[in-house]
């Protein structure tokens, strides 16, 4: 089930993104996010982005 070719020379473009947020206080929430997307629809190259930050509601 998990061992399959995701890039099989077809024009399938997909992207995965996940974000985790923790509400520390009423106005402050730190988060971490990971995103994996294709570089080109013609190759199997991928790129992963990591994002860390916080949300401050005033």
C-alpha atoms as a PDB file:
ATOM      1  CA  UNK A   1       0.000   0.000   0.000  1.00  0.00           C
ATOM      2  CA  UNK A   2       2.771   2.478   0.825  1.00  0.00           C
ATOM      3  CA  UNK A   3       5.264   1.276  -1.805  1.00  0.00           C
ATOM      4  CA  UNK A   4       3.934   2.760  -4.997  1.00  0.00           C
ATOM      5  CA  UNK A   5       5.274   5.072  -7.649  1.00  0.00           C
ATOM      6  CA  UNK A   6       3.829   8.504  -7.089  1.00  0.00           C
ATOM      7  CA  UNK A   7       5.493   9.872 -10.221  1.00  0.00           C
ATOM      8  CA  UNK A   8       4.730   7.531 -13.119  1.00  0.00           C
ATOM      9  CA  UNK A   9       5.400   9.913 -16.030  1.00  0.00           C
ATOM     10  CA  UNK A  10       1.789  11.091 -15.956  1.00  0.00           C
ATOM     11  CA  UNK A  11       0.737  14.665 -15.348  1.00  0.00           C
ATOM     12  CA  UNK A  12      -0.279  14.190 -11.731  1.00  0.00           C
ATOM     13  CA  UNK A  13       0.687  17.069  -9.483  1.00  0.00           C
ATOM     14  CA  UNK A  14       0.153  16.761  -5.767  1.00  0.00           C
ATOM     15  CA  UNK A  15       1.204  18.594  -2.645  1.00  0.00           C
ATOM     16  CA  UNK A  16       1.254  17.763   1.055  1.00  0.00           C
ATOM     17  CA  UNK A  17       1.016  20.344   3.810  1.00  0.00           C
ATOM     18  CA  UNK A  18       0.651  20.007   7.565  1.00  0.00           C
ATOM     19  CA  UNK A  19       0.605  22.640  10.301  1.00  0.00           C
ATOM     20  CA  UNK A  20       0.601  22.257  14.080  1.00  0.00           C
ATOM     21  CA  UNK A  21      -0.419  25.169  16.297  1.00  0.00           C
ATOM     22  CA  UNK A  22      -0.402  25.376  20.073  1.00  0.00           C
ATOM     23  CA  UNK A  23      -2.503  28.031  21.774  1.00  0.00           C
ATOM     24  CA  UNK A  24      -0.130  29.121  24.534  1.00  0.00           C
ATOM     25  CA  UNK A  25      -2.154  32.099  25.731  1.00  0.00           C
ATOM     26  CA  UNK A  26      -5.277  33.888  24.563  1.00  0.00           C
ATOM     27  CA  UNK A  27      -3.256  36.025  22.139  1.00  0.00           C
ATOM     28  CA  UNK A  28      -0.058  34.026  21.449  1.00  0.00           C
ATOM     29  CA  UNK A  29       0.112  30.816  19.383  1.00  0.00           C
ATOM     30  CA  UNK A  30       3.400  29.325  18.111  1.00  0.00           C
ATOM     31  CA  UNK A  31       3.232  27.027  15.070  1.00  0.00           C
ATOM     32  CA  UNK A  32       5.331  24.770  12.862  1.00  0.00           C
ATOM     33  CA  UNK A  33       4.463  23.839   9.280  1.00  0.00           C
ATOM     34  CA  UNK A  34       5.890  21.410   6.717  1.00  0.00           C
ATOM     35  CA  UNK A  35       5.043  21.570   3.017  1.00  0.00           C
ATOM     36  CA  UNK A  36       6.144  19.176   0.261  1.00  0.00           C
ATOM     37  CA  UNK A  37       5.437  20.089  -3.347  1.00  0.00           C
ATOM     38  CA  UNK A  38       6.649  19.274  -6.834  1.00  0.00           C
ATOM     39  CA  UNK A  39       9.263  21.460  -8.499  1.00  0.00           C
ATOM     40  CA  UNK A  40       8.006  20.657 -11.981  1.00  0.00           C
ATOM     41  CA  UNK A  41       5.118  18.613 -13.340  1.00  0.00           C
ATOM     42  CA  UNK A  42       7.514  17.027 -15.860  1.00  0.00           C
ATOM     43  CA  UNK A  43       9.985  15.531 -13.343  1.00  0.00           C
ATOM     44  CA  UNK A  44       9.854  13.686 -10.048  1.00  0.00           C
ATOM     45  CA  UNK A  45      11.787  16.431  -8.215  1.00  0.00           C
ATOM     46  CA  UNK A  46      10.233  17.653  -4.970  1.00  0.00           C
ATOM     47  CA  UNK A  47      11.004  20.423  -2.531  1.00  0.00           C
ATOM     48  CA  UNK A  48      10.196  20.591   1.171  1.00  0.00           C
ATOM     49  CA  UNK A  49       9.619  23.834   3.057  1.00  0.00           C
ATOM     50  CA  UNK A  50       9.709  24.208   6.831  1.00  0.00           C
ATOM     51  CA  UNK A  51       8.057  27.177   8.507  1.00  0.00           C
ATOM     52  CA  UNK A  52       8.214  28.106  12.170  1.00  0.00           C
ATOM     53  CA  UNK A  53       6.597  31.178  13.679  1.00  0.00           C
ATOM     54  CA  UNK A  54       3.908  32.530  15.906  1.00  0.00           C
ATOM     55  CA  UNK A  55       0.568  34.270  15.671  1.00  0.00           C
ATOM     56  CA  UNK A  56      -0.057  37.278  17.887  1.00  0.00           C
ATOM     57  CA  UNK A  57      -3.608  38.607  18.160  1.00  0.00           C
ATOM     58  CA  UNK A  58      -3.840  42.101  19.572  1.00  0.00           C
END
